[in-house]
Amino acid sequence: MSVRVLLVDDDPLVRTGLTMILGSAPDITVVAEAGDGDEAAQQVARHAPDVVLMDIRMRRMDGLAATAAVLAQPRPPRVLILTTFDLDEYVFEALAAGASGFLLKEGSPQEIIEGVRVVANGDAMLSPRTTKQLIGQFVATRVSPRRALAQAKLGLLSERERQIVTAVARGKPNAEIGAELFVSEATVKTHITRTFAKLDVSNRVQLTIFAYEAGLVTP
């Protein structure tokens, strides 16, 4: 089945270029475009895309507010952030709000195509080890009111759940986590699902941010 993509960028030339890039992939279809965050939410409701490729900085509603609006909809799509600024405040906040990852605009066509595929398949990180390292460094350099809350929430987790959250934050896939802890991959998935519910997070990106803010891992 084709991955349905909504492009959101206030530069029509960027949208045209992305449409050409994604259109070259046989398994990806651009179903709609939007020029700002307000229009993005409307197009999501209208077209039900699988992935929203979202510019983080737009003149009207920015990508951060638009991400929150899109993810608040029933059965929301996955949001993949587009940025020219690497991991800055806007990107970090979008990831914390539930975006599934981010791509640099200057990335190669193949990187953009693969990024959409990875997110559509359910992976929350495009480059697990690199992205997690950047998140860890960003968390370490900011004073976050979430830090105290994250540390308080540690008490909700069992020792095994803490071990798994720590492993996820270090970029390890489920199979590797299971091998290290001598449990099945299915058991790892079950624990991760339970931690999502306990911590009120929706993907591995948010779980990673929690791990760094709670001090389970350090950059």
N, C-alpha and C. Protein backbone atom coordinates (compact mmCIF):
# COMPACT_ATOMS: atom_id res chain seq x y z
N MET A 1 0.84 -1.20 0.00
CA MET A 1 0.00 0.00 0.00
C MET A 1 0.87 1.25 0.00
N SER A 2 0.41 2.27 -0.69
CA SER A 2 1.16 3.51 -0.79
C SER A 2 1.05 4.32 0.50
N VAL A 3 2.16 4.95 0.89
CA VAL A 3 2.16 5.85 2.05
C VAL A 3 1.59 7.20 1.60
N ARG A 4 0.55 7.65 2.28
CA ARG A 4 -0.11 8.91 1.93
C ARG A 4 0.54 10.04 2.72
N VAL A 5 1.01 11.06 2.01
CA VAL A 5 1.77 12.14 2.63
C VAL A 5 1.10 13.49 2.40
N LEU A 6 1.06 14.30 3.44
CA LEU A 6 0.66 15.70 3.35
C LEU A 6 1.90 16.56 3.53
N LEU A 7 2.16 17.48 2.60
CA LEU A 7 3.29 18.39 2.68
C LEU A 7 2.83 19.73 3.26
N VAL A 8 3.55 20.22 4.27
CA VAL A 8 3.20 21.50 4.88
C VAL A 8 4.43 22.39 4.89
N ASP A 9 4.41 23.45 4.08
CA ASP A 9 5.52 24.39 4.01
C ASP A 9 4.98 25.68 3.40
N ASP A 10 5.41 26.82 3.92
CA ASP A 10 4.89 28.08 3.39
C ASP A 10 5.61 28.55 2.12
N ASP A 11 6.60 27.79 1.66
CA ASP A 11 7.31 28.11 0.42
C ASP A 11 6.82 27.17 -0.68
N PRO A 12 6.09 27.69 -1.68
CA PRO A 12 5.57 26.81 -2.73
C PRO A 12 6.66 26.10 -3.52
N LEU A 13 7.84 26.72 -3.65
CA LEU A 13 8.92 26.07 -4.36
C LEU A 13 9.42 24.85 -3.61
N VAL A 14 9.48 24.95 -2.27
CA VAL A 14 9.88 23.81 -1.45
C VAL A 14 8.86 22.68 -1.60
N ARG A 15 7.58 23.03 -1.58
CA ARG A 15 6.55 22.01 -1.74
C ARG A 15 6.65 21.32 -3.08
N THR A 16 6.91 22.11 -4.12
CA THR A 16 7.05 21.53 -5.46
C THR A 16 8.22 20.55 -5.51
N GLY A 17 9.34 20.97 -4.93
CA GLY A 17 10.52 20.09 -4.91
C GLY A 17 10.27 18.81 -4.15
N LEU A 18 9.62 18.93 -2.99
CA LEU A 18 9.33 17.74 -2.19
C LEU A 18 8.34 16.82 -2.90
N THR A 19 7.37 17.41 -3.60
CA THR A 19 6.42 16.60 -4.35
C THR A 19 7.12 15.79 -5.42
N MET A 20 8.08 16.42 -6.10
CA MET A 20 8.84 15.70 -7.13
C MET A 20 9.69 14.59 -6.52
N ILE A 21 10.32 14.89 -5.39
CA ILE A 21 11.17 13.88 -4.73
C ILE A 21 10.33 12.68 -4.29
N LEU A 22 9.25 12.96 -3.55
CA LEU A 22 8.44 11.87 -3.01
C LEU A 22 7.69 11.15 -4.12
N GLY A 23 7.33 11.89 -5.17
CA GLY A 23 6.61 11.28 -6.29
C GLY A 23 7.45 10.30 -7.07
N SER A 24 8.76 10.37 -6.90
CA SER A 24 9.64 9.43 -7.59
C SER A 24 9.66 8.06 -6.92
N ALA A 25 9.12 7.98 -5.71
CA ALA A 25 9.07 6.71 -4.98
C ALA A 25 7.76 6.00 -5.31
N PRO A 26 7.82 4.75 -5.72
CA PRO A 26 6.60 4.05 -6.13
C PRO A 26 5.62 3.77 -4.99
N ASP A 27 6.12 3.82 -3.76
CA ASP A 27 5.28 3.47 -2.61
C ASP A 27 4.84 4.68 -1.81
N ILE A 28 5.02 5.90 -2.35
CA ILE A 28 4.64 7.12 -1.64
C ILE A 28 3.77 7.98 -2.55
N THR A 29 2.68 8.52 -2.00
CA THR A 29 1.78 9.39 -2.74
C THR A 29 1.56 10.68 -1.95
N VAL A 30 1.82 11.82 -2.57
CA VAL A 30 1.50 13.11 -1.95
C VAL A 30 0.03 13.39 -2.22
N VAL A 31 -0.78 13.35 -1.16
CA VAL A 31 -2.24 13.48 -1.34
C VAL A 31 -2.71 14.92 -1.24
N ALA A 32 -1.89 15.80 -0.61
CA ALA A 32 -2.31 17.19 -0.47
C ALA A 32 -1.12 18.03 0.00
N GLU A 33 -1.28 19.36 -0.13
CA GLU A 33 -0.29 20.31 0.35
C GLU A 33 -0.98 21.36 1.20
N ALA A 34 -0.20 22.00 2.07
CA ALA A 34 -0.72 23.09 2.89
C ALA A 34 0.37 24.14 3.05
N GLY A 35 -0.03 25.42 3.08
CA GLY A 35 0.92 26.50 3.17
C GLY A 35 1.12 27.05 4.56
N ASP A 36 0.34 26.57 5.52
CA ASP A 36 0.51 27.00 6.91
C ASP A 36 -0.15 26.00 7.84
N GLY A 37 0.02 26.22 9.14
CA GLY A 37 -0.47 25.27 10.12
C GLY A 37 -1.98 25.14 10.16
N ASP A 38 -2.69 26.25 9.99
CA ASP A 38 -4.15 26.20 9.98
C ASP A 38 -4.65 25.30 8.86
N GLU A 39 -4.09 25.50 7.68
CA GLU A 39 -4.50 24.69 6.54
C GLU A 39 -4.10 23.23 6.72
N ALA A 40 -2.99 23.00 7.41
CA ALA A 40 -2.53 21.62 7.64
C ALA A 40 -3.57 20.81 8.40
N ALA A 41 -4.10 21.37 9.47
CA ALA A 41 -5.09 20.66 10.26
C ALA A 41 -6.33 20.35 9.42
N GLN A 42 -6.74 21.29 8.57
CA GLN A 42 -7.90 21.07 7.71
C GLN A 42 -7.63 19.94 6.71
N GLN A 43 -6.42 19.94 6.13
CA GLN A 43 -6.10 18.94 5.13
C GLN A 43 -5.96 17.55 5.75
N VAL A 44 -5.50 17.48 6.99
CA VAL A 44 -5.43 16.19 7.67
C VAL A 44 -6.83 15.62 7.84
N ALA A 45 -7.76 16.45 8.27
CA ALA A 45 -9.14 15.99 8.45
C ALA A 45 -9.77 15.57 7.12
N ARG A 46 -9.36 16.23 6.05
CA ARG A 46 -9.96 15.95 4.74
C ARG A 46 -9.36 14.74 4.06
N HIS A 47 -8.03 14.55 4.18
CA HIS A 47 -7.36 13.53 3.38
C HIS A 47 -6.83 12.34 4.18
N ALA A 48 -6.81 12.42 5.50
CA ALA A 48 -6.34 11.31 6.35
C ALA A 48 -5.00 10.76 5.89
N PRO A 49 -3.95 11.60 5.84
CA PRO A 49 -2.63 11.09 5.42
C PRO A 49 -2.03 10.19 6.49
N ASP A 50 -1.06 9.38 6.06
CA ASP A 50 -0.32 8.55 7.00
C ASP A 50 0.79 9.34 7.67
N VAL A 51 1.41 10.24 6.90
CA VAL A 51 2.54 11.03 7.39
C VAL A 51 2.34 12.48 6.97
N VAL A 52 2.62 13.40 7.90
CA VAL A 52 2.65 14.83 7.59
C VAL A 52 4.10 15.28 7.63
N LEU A 53 4.60 15.79 6.50
CA LEU A 53 5.95 16.34 6.44
C LEU A 53 5.81 17.82 6.72
N MET A 54 6.24 18.25 7.92
CA MET A 54 5.88 19.56 8.47
C MET A 54 7.08 20.50 8.61
N ASP A 55 7.03 21.63 7.91
CA ASP A 55 8.04 22.67 8.13
C ASP A 55 7.86 23.23 9.53
N ILE A 56 8.96 23.40 10.26
CA ILE A 56 8.85 23.84 11.66
C ILE A 56 8.66 25.35 11.78
N ARG A 57 9.14 26.12 10.78
CA ARG A 57 9.05 27.58 10.85
C ARG A 57 8.25 28.12 9.67
N MET A 58 7.07 28.62 9.96
CA MET A 58 6.20 29.21 8.94
C MET A 58 5.68 30.55 9.42
N ARG A 59 5.29 31.40 8.48
CA ARG A 59 4.94 32.78 8.84
C ARG A 59 3.64 32.85 9.62
N ARG A 60 2.69 32.02 9.32
CA ARG A 60 1.44 32.03 10.08
C ARG A 60 1.58 31.02 11.22
N MET A 61 0.61 30.13 11.40
CA MET A 61 0.76 29.14 12.46
C MET A 61 2.02 28.31 12.19
N ASP A 62 2.96 28.28 13.15
CA ASP A 62 4.22 27.59 12.92
C ASP A 62 4.05 26.08 13.08
N GLY A 63 5.14 25.37 12.77
CA GLY A 63 5.07 23.92 12.79
C GLY A 63 4.84 23.33 14.17
N LEU A 64 5.27 24.03 15.20
CA LEU A 64 5.06 23.54 16.56
C LEU A 64 3.57 23.53 16.91
N ALA A 65 2.91 24.67 16.68
CA ALA A 65 1.47 24.74 16.95
C ALA A 65 0.70 23.81 16.01
N ALA A 66 1.14 23.73 14.77
CA ALA A 66 0.46 22.86 13.80
C ALA A 66 0.61 21.39 14.18
N THR A 67 1.78 21.01 14.68
CA THR A 67 1.99 19.63 15.12
C THR A 67 1.01 19.27 16.23
N ALA A 68 0.87 20.17 17.20
CA ALA A 68 -0.05 19.94 18.31
C ALA A 68 -1.49 19.81 17.79
N ALA A 69 -1.87 20.66 16.83
CA ALA A 69 -3.23 20.62 16.29
C ALA A 69 -3.49 19.33 15.52
N VAL A 70 -2.50 18.91 14.74
CA VAL A 70 -2.65 17.68 13.95
C VAL A 70 -2.73 16.46 14.85
N LEU A 71 -1.86 16.40 15.86
CA LEU A 71 -1.83 15.22 16.72
C LEU A 71 -3.03 15.15 17.67
N ALA A 72 -3.75 16.26 17.80
CA ALA A 72 -4.94 16.27 18.65
C ALA A 72 -6.16 15.70 17.93
N GLN A 73 -6.05 15.46 16.64
CA GLN A 73 -7.18 14.94 15.88
C GLN A 73 -7.36 13.44 16.13
N PRO A 74 -8.58 12.95 15.93
CA PRO A 74 -8.81 11.50 16.07
C PRO A 74 -7.94 10.73 15.08
N ARG A 75 -7.34 9.65 15.51
CA ARG A 75 -6.48 8.81 14.67
C ARG A 75 -5.48 9.67 13.90
N PRO A 76 -4.63 10.38 14.61
CA PRO A 76 -3.72 11.33 13.95
C PRO A 76 -2.64 10.63 13.12
N PRO A 77 -2.13 11.31 12.10
CA PRO A 77 -1.02 10.77 11.33
C PRO A 77 0.28 10.93 12.11
N ARG A 78 1.34 10.38 11.59
CA ARG A 78 2.66 10.64 12.15
C ARG A 78 3.19 11.94 11.56
N VAL A 79 3.88 12.70 12.39
CA VAL A 79 4.42 13.99 11.95
C VAL A 79 5.93 13.90 11.88
N LEU A 80 6.46 14.29 10.73
CA LEU A 80 7.89 14.31 10.49
C LEU A 80 8.30 15.75 10.25
N ILE A 81 9.14 16.30 11.11
CA ILE A 81 9.50 17.72 11.07
C ILE A 81 10.58 17.97 10.02
N LEU A 82 10.41 19.06 9.26
CA LEU A 82 11.43 19.54 8.34
C LEU A 82 12.07 20.79 8.92
N THR A 83 13.38 20.85 8.93
CA THR A 83 14.05 21.99 9.53
C THR A 83 15.37 22.28 8.85
N THR A 84 15.81 23.53 8.91
CA THR A 84 17.15 23.91 8.45
C THR A 84 18.07 24.17 9.62
N PHE A 85 17.56 24.01 10.84
CA PHE A 85 18.29 24.42 12.03
C PHE A 85 18.74 23.27 12.91
N ASP A 86 18.74 22.04 12.37
CA ASP A 86 19.11 20.89 13.18
C ASP A 86 18.20 20.85 14.41
N LEU A 87 18.69 20.46 15.56
CA LEU A 87 17.82 20.31 16.73
C LEU A 87 17.80 21.61 17.53
N ASP A 88 16.86 22.51 17.24
CA ASP A 88 16.73 23.75 17.98
C ASP A 88 15.51 23.66 18.90
N GLU A 89 15.18 24.77 19.54
CA GLU A 89 14.07 24.79 20.50
C GLU A 89 12.76 24.34 19.86
N TYR A 90 12.49 24.82 18.65
CA TYR A 90 11.23 24.48 18.00
C TYR A 90 11.15 22.98 17.72
N VAL A 91 12.23 22.44 17.18
CA VAL A 91 12.23 21.00 16.86
C VAL A 91 12.09 20.17 18.12
N PHE A 92 12.84 20.53 19.16
CA PHE A 92 12.76 19.78 20.41
C PHE A 92 11.34 19.78 20.97
N GLU A 93 10.71 20.96 20.97
CA GLU A 93 9.35 21.04 21.51
C GLU A 93 8.37 20.23 20.66
N ALA A 94 8.58 20.21 19.34
CA ALA A 94 7.71 19.40 18.48
C ALA A 94 7.88 17.91 18.77
N LEU A 95 9.13 17.48 18.99
CA LEU A 95 9.38 16.09 19.35
C LEU A 95 8.73 15.76 20.70
N ALA A 96 8.87 16.68 21.65
CA ALA A 96 8.27 16.47 22.97
C ALA A 96 6.75 16.40 22.87
N ALA A 97 6.17 17.10 21.88
CA ALA A 97 4.72 17.11 21.71
C ALA A 97 4.21 15.88 20.97
N GLY A 98 5.11 15.07 20.41
CA GLY A 98 4.67 13.84 19.77
C GLY A 98 5.09 13.63 18.34
N ALA A 99 5.86 14.57 17.76
CA ALA A 99 6.36 14.34 16.40
C ALA A 99 7.26 13.10 16.40
N SER A 100 7.29 12.40 15.29
CA SER A 100 8.00 11.12 15.23
C SER A 100 9.46 11.24 14.85
N GLY A 101 9.92 12.42 14.48
CA GLY A 101 11.31 12.60 14.11
C GLY A 101 11.48 13.87 13.33
N PHE A 102 12.70 14.09 12.84
CA PHE A 102 12.93 15.29 12.04
C PHE A 102 13.94 15.01 10.94
N LEU A 103 13.83 15.82 9.88
CA LEU A 103 14.75 15.75 8.74
C LEU A 103 15.29 17.15 8.47
N LEU A 104 16.53 17.22 8.01
CA LEU A 104 17.07 18.49 7.55
C LEU A 104 16.66 18.71 6.10
N LYS A 105 16.28 19.96 5.77
CA LYS A 105 15.83 20.26 4.42
C LYS A 105 16.92 20.01 3.38
N GLU A 106 18.17 20.16 3.79
CA GLU A 106 19.25 19.95 2.83
C GLU A 106 19.61 18.47 2.67
N GLY A 107 18.83 17.59 3.29
CA GLY A 107 19.09 16.17 3.14
C GLY A 107 18.89 15.72 1.70
N SER A 108 19.47 14.60 1.37
CA SER A 108 19.37 14.08 0.00
C SER A 108 17.95 13.57 -0.26
N PRO A 109 17.55 13.50 -1.54
CA PRO A 109 16.23 12.94 -1.85
C PRO A 109 16.01 11.57 -1.24
N GLN A 110 17.02 10.72 -1.27
CA GLN A 110 16.86 9.38 -0.72
C GLN A 110 16.65 9.41 0.78
N GLU A 111 17.33 10.35 1.48
CA GLU A 111 17.14 10.47 2.93
C GLU A 111 15.71 10.89 3.25
N ILE A 112 15.16 11.79 2.46
CA ILE A 112 13.78 12.24 2.68
C ILE A 112 12.80 11.10 2.43
N ILE A 113 13.00 10.38 1.34
CA ILE A 113 12.13 9.25 1.03
C ILE A 113 12.21 8.18 2.12
N GLU A 114 13.42 7.84 2.52
CA GLU A 114 13.58 6.81 3.55
C GLU A 114 13.02 7.28 4.88
N GLY A 115 13.15 8.57 5.18
CA GLY A 115 12.60 9.09 6.42
C GLY A 115 11.09 8.92 6.48
N VAL A 116 10.42 9.22 5.39
CA VAL A 116 8.96 9.04 5.32
C VAL A 116 8.60 7.57 5.49
N ARG A 117 9.34 6.70 4.83
CA ARG A 117 9.05 5.27 4.95
C ARG A 117 9.23 4.77 6.37
N VAL A 118 10.32 5.18 7.00
CA VAL A 118 10.61 4.70 8.36
C VAL A 118 9.51 5.13 9.33
N VAL A 119 9.13 6.40 9.25
CA VAL A 119 8.09 6.90 10.15
C VAL A 119 6.75 6.23 9.86
N ALA A 120 6.44 6.04 8.59
CA ALA A 120 5.18 5.39 8.22
C ALA A 120 5.11 3.96 8.74
N ASN A 121 6.27 3.30 8.82
CA ASN A 121 6.32 1.92 9.30
C ASN A 121 6.27 1.81 10.82
N GLY A 122 6.25 2.94 11.50
CA GLY A 122 6.08 2.90 12.94
C GLY A 122 7.31 3.20 13.76
N ASP A 123 8.47 3.39 13.11
CA ASP A 123 9.67 3.75 13.84
C ASP A 123 9.63 5.23 14.17
N ALA A 124 9.96 5.54 15.42
CA ALA A 124 9.87 6.94 15.85
C ALA A 124 11.16 7.70 15.64
N MET A 125 12.23 7.01 15.30
CA MET A 125 13.50 7.69 15.11
C MET A 125 14.03 7.39 13.72
N LEU A 126 14.55 8.42 13.07
CA LEU A 126 15.12 8.22 11.75
C LEU A 126 16.55 7.71 11.84
N SER A 127 17.33 8.30 12.70
CA SER A 127 18.71 7.85 12.93
C SER A 127 18.86 7.68 14.43
N PRO A 128 18.47 6.53 14.98
CA PRO A 128 18.31 6.38 16.43
C PRO A 128 19.47 6.92 17.26
N ARG A 129 20.67 6.50 17.00
CA ARG A 129 21.77 6.89 17.88
C ARG A 129 22.11 8.36 17.74
N THR A 130 22.13 8.87 16.51
CA THR A 130 22.47 10.28 16.30
C THR A 130 21.41 11.19 16.89
N THR A 131 20.15 10.91 16.59
CA THR A 131 19.08 11.77 17.07
C THR A 131 18.98 11.74 18.58
N LYS A 132 19.12 10.58 19.18
CA LYS A 132 19.05 10.49 20.63
C LYS A 132 20.21 11.25 21.28
N GLN A 133 21.36 11.22 20.67
CA GLN A 133 22.49 11.97 21.22
C GLN A 133 22.20 13.47 21.19
N LEU A 134 21.60 13.94 20.09
CA LEU A 134 21.27 15.35 19.98
C LEU A 134 20.22 15.74 21.03
N ILE A 135 19.21 14.90 21.21
CA ILE A 135 18.19 15.17 22.23
C ILE A 135 18.83 15.23 23.61
N GLY A 136 19.72 14.29 23.89
CA GLY A 136 20.38 14.28 25.19
C GLY A 136 21.18 15.54 25.44
N GLN A 137 21.89 16.00 24.45
CA GLN A 137 22.68 17.22 24.60
C GLN A 137 21.78 18.43 24.81
N PHE A 138 20.65 18.45 24.10
CA PHE A 138 19.74 19.58 24.23
C PHE A 138 19.10 19.62 25.62
N VAL A 139 18.67 18.46 26.08
CA VAL A 139 18.07 18.38 27.42
C VAL A 139 19.07 18.82 28.48
N ALA A 140 20.32 18.43 28.31
CA ALA A 140 21.35 18.73 29.32
C ALA A 140 21.67 20.21 29.41
N THR A 141 21.38 20.98 28.37
CA THR A 141 21.75 22.39 28.37
C THR A 141 20.59 23.33 28.65
N ARG A 142 19.44 22.80 28.99
CA ARG A 142 18.30 23.67 29.24
C ARG A 142 17.72 23.38 30.63
N VAL A 143 17.12 24.38 31.21
CA VAL A 143 16.41 24.21 32.47
C VAL A 143 14.96 23.93 32.13
N SER A 144 14.50 22.76 32.41
CA SER A 144 13.16 22.36 31.99
C SER A 144 12.26 22.10 33.19
N PRO A 145 11.08 22.71 33.20
CA PRO A 145 10.14 22.40 34.28
C PRO A 145 9.67 20.96 34.23
N ARG A 146 9.88 20.31 33.09
CA ARG A 146 9.49 18.91 32.98
C ARG A 146 10.45 17.99 33.71
N ARG A 147 11.64 18.49 34.03
CA ARG A 147 12.64 17.61 34.64
C ARG A 147 12.17 17.07 35.99
N ALA A 148 11.64 17.95 36.82
CA ALA A 148 11.14 17.51 38.13
C ALA A 148 9.97 16.54 37.96
N LEU A 149 9.10 16.83 36.98
CA LEU A 149 7.96 15.96 36.74
C LEU A 149 8.43 14.59 36.25
N ALA A 150 9.43 14.58 35.35
CA ALA A 150 9.95 13.31 34.85
C ALA A 150 10.55 12.49 35.97
N GLN A 151 11.30 13.12 36.86
CA GLN A 151 11.91 12.39 37.97
C GLN A 151 10.85 11.85 38.92
N ALA A 152 9.76 12.61 39.10
CA ALA A 152 8.68 12.12 39.95
C ALA A 152 7.99 10.91 39.33
N LYS A 153 7.89 10.90 38.00
CA LYS A 153 7.22 9.79 37.32
C LYS A 153 8.03 8.50 37.32
N LEU A 154 9.30 8.60 37.65
CA LEU A 154 10.11 7.39 37.72
C LEU A 154 9.52 6.37 38.68
N GLY A 155 8.87 6.87 39.72
CA GLY A 155 8.27 5.98 40.70
C GLY A 155 7.14 5.13 40.15
N LEU A 156 6.62 5.50 38.97
CA LEU A 156 5.55 4.72 38.35
C LEU A 156 6.08 3.47 37.65
N LEU A 157 7.38 3.43 37.41
CA LEU A 157 7.95 2.36 36.62
C LEU A 157 8.59 1.28 37.49
N SER A 158 8.44 0.04 37.04
CA SER A 158 9.15 -1.06 37.70
C SER A 158 10.62 -1.02 37.31
N GLU A 159 11.44 -1.80 38.00
CA GLU A 159 12.86 -1.83 37.68
C GLU A 159 13.08 -2.32 36.24
N ARG A 160 12.34 -3.31 35.81
CA ARG A 160 12.49 -3.81 34.45
C ARG A 160 12.07 -2.75 33.43
N GLU A 161 11.00 -2.03 33.73
CA GLU A 161 10.56 -0.96 32.83
C GLU A 161 11.61 0.14 32.73
N ARG A 162 12.26 0.45 33.84
CA ARG A 162 13.34 1.45 33.80
C ARG A 162 14.48 0.97 32.92
N GLN A 163 14.81 -0.30 33.02
CA GLN A 163 15.88 -0.85 32.20
C GLN A 163 15.54 -0.73 30.71
N ILE A 164 14.31 -1.01 30.38
CA ILE A 164 13.90 -0.96 28.98
C ILE A 164 13.85 0.47 28.47
N VAL A 165 13.33 1.39 29.27
CA VAL A 165 13.31 2.80 28.87
C VAL A 165 14.73 3.30 28.63
N THR A 166 15.64 2.92 29.52
CA THR A 166 17.04 3.32 29.37
C THR A 166 17.63 2.78 28.06
N ALA A 167 17.32 1.54 27.75
CA ALA A 167 17.82 0.93 26.51
C ALA A 167 17.25 1.61 25.28
N VAL A 168 15.97 1.93 25.32
CA VAL A 168 15.34 2.65 24.20
C VAL A 168 16.04 4.00 23.99
N ALA A 169 16.30 4.70 25.06
CA ALA A 169 16.94 6.01 24.98
C ALA A 169 18.36 5.93 24.44
N ARG A 170 18.97 4.77 24.57
CA ARG A 170 20.32 4.57 24.05
C ARG A 170 20.32 4.10 22.60
N GLY A 171 19.14 4.05 22.00
CA GLY A 171 19.03 3.74 20.58
C GLY A 171 18.99 2.27 20.24
N LYS A 172 18.69 1.43 21.21
CA LYS A 172 18.71 -0.01 20.95
C LYS A 172 17.35 -0.50 20.45
N PRO A 173 17.34 -1.35 19.42
CA PRO A 173 16.08 -1.92 18.94
C PRO A 173 15.55 -2.96 19.90
N ASN A 174 14.28 -3.32 19.73
CA ASN A 174 13.64 -4.25 20.65
C ASN A 174 14.35 -5.60 20.72
N ALA A 175 14.81 -6.10 19.58
CA ALA A 175 15.46 -7.41 19.57
C ALA A 175 16.74 -7.40 20.42
N GLU A 176 17.50 -6.32 20.31
CA GLU A 176 18.74 -6.21 21.09
C GLU A 176 18.44 -6.05 22.57
N ILE A 177 17.39 -5.30 22.89
CA ILE A 177 16.99 -5.13 24.30
C ILE A 177 16.60 -6.48 24.89
N GLY A 178 15.80 -7.24 24.14
CA GLY A 178 15.37 -8.54 24.61
C GLY A 178 16.54 -9.48 24.86
N ALA A 179 17.52 -9.46 23.95
CA ALA A 179 18.69 -10.32 24.12
C ALA A 179 19.48 -9.96 25.36
N GLU A 180 19.62 -8.67 25.62
CA GLU A 180 20.38 -8.23 26.80
C GLU A 180 19.68 -8.58 28.10
N LEU A 181 18.34 -8.53 28.09
CA LEU A 181 17.57 -8.77 29.31
C LEU A 181 17.04 -10.20 29.41
N PHE A 182 17.38 -11.03 28.41
CA PHE A 182 16.96 -12.44 28.39
C PHE A 182 15.43 -12.58 28.41
N VAL A 183 14.77 -11.74 27.61
CA VAL A 183 13.32 -11.84 27.44
C VAL A 183 13.03 -11.79 25.94
N SER A 184 11.82 -12.15 25.56
CA SER A 184 11.47 -12.15 24.14
C SER A 184 11.23 -10.72 23.65
N GLU A 185 11.31 -10.56 22.34
CA GLU A 185 11.02 -9.26 21.74
C GLU A 185 9.58 -8.85 22.02
N ALA A 186 8.68 -9.82 22.04
CA ALA A 186 7.27 -9.52 22.33
C ALA A 186 7.11 -8.99 23.75
N THR A 187 7.89 -9.53 24.69
CA THR A 187 7.84 -9.04 26.07
C THR A 187 8.34 -7.61 26.15
N VAL A 188 9.39 -7.30 25.39
CA VAL A 188 9.90 -5.93 25.36
C VAL A 188 8.83 -4.98 24.84
N LYS A 189 8.16 -5.37 23.76
CA LYS A 189 7.09 -4.54 23.20
C LYS A 189 5.99 -4.31 24.22
N THR A 190 5.65 -5.35 24.98
CA THR A 190 4.60 -5.22 25.99
C THR A 190 5.01 -4.22 27.07
N HIS A 191 6.26 -4.32 27.53
CA HIS A 191 6.75 -3.37 28.53
C HIS A 191 6.75 -1.95 28.00
N ILE A 192 7.15 -1.77 26.75
CA ILE A 192 7.18 -0.42 26.17
C ILE A 192 5.78 0.16 26.08
N THR A 193 4.82 -0.67 25.67
CA THR A 193 3.44 -0.20 25.60
C THR A 193 2.94 0.23 26.98
N ARG A 194 3.30 -0.53 28.01
CA ARG A 194 2.88 -0.17 29.38
C ARG A 194 3.53 1.14 29.83
N THR A 195 4.80 1.34 29.46
CA THR A 195 5.45 2.60 29.86
C THR A 195 4.82 3.78 29.14
N PHE A 196 4.41 3.59 27.88
CA PHE A 196 3.71 4.66 27.17
C PHE A 196 2.50 5.11 27.99
N ALA A 197 1.72 4.13 28.45
CA ALA A 197 0.50 4.45 29.20
C ALA A 197 0.83 5.10 30.54
N LYS A 198 1.81 4.56 31.26
CA LYS A 198 2.15 5.09 32.58
C LYS A 198 2.70 6.52 32.50
N LEU A 199 3.48 6.80 31.46
CA LEU A 199 4.14 8.09 31.35
C LEU A 199 3.38 9.07 30.48
N ASP A 200 2.28 8.62 29.88
CA ASP A 200 1.45 9.45 29.00
C ASP A 200 2.28 9.97 27.83
N VAL A 201 2.99 9.07 27.16
CA VAL A 201 3.72 9.40 25.94
C VAL A 201 3.20 8.53 24.82
N SER A 202 3.50 8.92 23.57
CA SER A 202 2.90 8.20 22.44
C SER A 202 3.92 7.52 21.54
N ASN A 203 5.21 7.79 21.72
CA ASN A 203 6.20 7.15 20.84
C ASN A 203 7.56 7.10 21.52
N ARG A 204 8.52 6.50 20.82
CA ARG A 204 9.86 6.30 21.39
C ARG A 204 10.64 7.60 21.51
N VAL A 205 10.30 8.58 20.68
CA VAL A 205 10.95 9.88 20.81
C VAL A 205 10.64 10.48 22.17
N GLN A 206 9.35 10.52 22.51
CA GLN A 206 8.96 11.08 23.80
C GLN A 206 9.52 10.25 24.95
N LEU A 207 9.59 8.94 24.76
CA LEU A 207 10.16 8.08 25.80
C LEU A 207 11.64 8.41 26.00
N THR A 208 12.33 8.70 24.91
CA THR A 208 13.75 9.07 25.00
C THR A 208 13.93 10.40 25.71
N ILE A 209 13.10 11.37 25.38
CA ILE A 209 13.17 12.67 26.05
C ILE A 209 12.93 12.50 27.55
N PHE A 210 11.94 11.68 27.90
CA PHE A 210 11.68 11.41 29.32
C PHE A 210 12.91 10.82 29.99
N ALA A 211 13.55 9.86 29.34
CA ALA A 211 14.71 9.20 29.95
C ALA A 211 15.83 10.19 30.25
N TYR A 212 16.07 11.11 29.33
CA TYR A 212 17.11 12.11 29.56
C TYR A 212 16.70 13.10 30.64
N GLU A 213 15.45 13.55 30.61
CA GLU A 213 15.00 14.52 31.61
C GLU A 213 14.94 13.90 33.00
N ALA A 214 14.64 12.61 33.08
CA ALA A 214 14.57 11.94 34.38
C ALA A 214 15.94 11.55 34.90
N GLY A 215 16.97 11.64 34.05
CA GLY A 215 18.32 11.30 34.46
C GLY A 215 18.66 9.82 34.33
N LEU A 216 17.81 9.06 33.61
CA LEU A 216 18.13 7.64 33.42
C LEU A 216 19.35 7.47 32.51
N VAL A 217 19.53 8.40 31.59
CA VAL A 217 20.72 8.42 30.72
C VAL A 217 21.24 9.85 30.66
N THR A 218 22.51 9.98 30.35
CA THR A 218 23.12 11.30 30.20
C THR A 218 23.82 11.37 28.87
N PRO A 219 23.98 12.58 28.29
CA PRO A 219 24.63 12.72 26.98
C PRO A 219 26.05 12.18 27.01
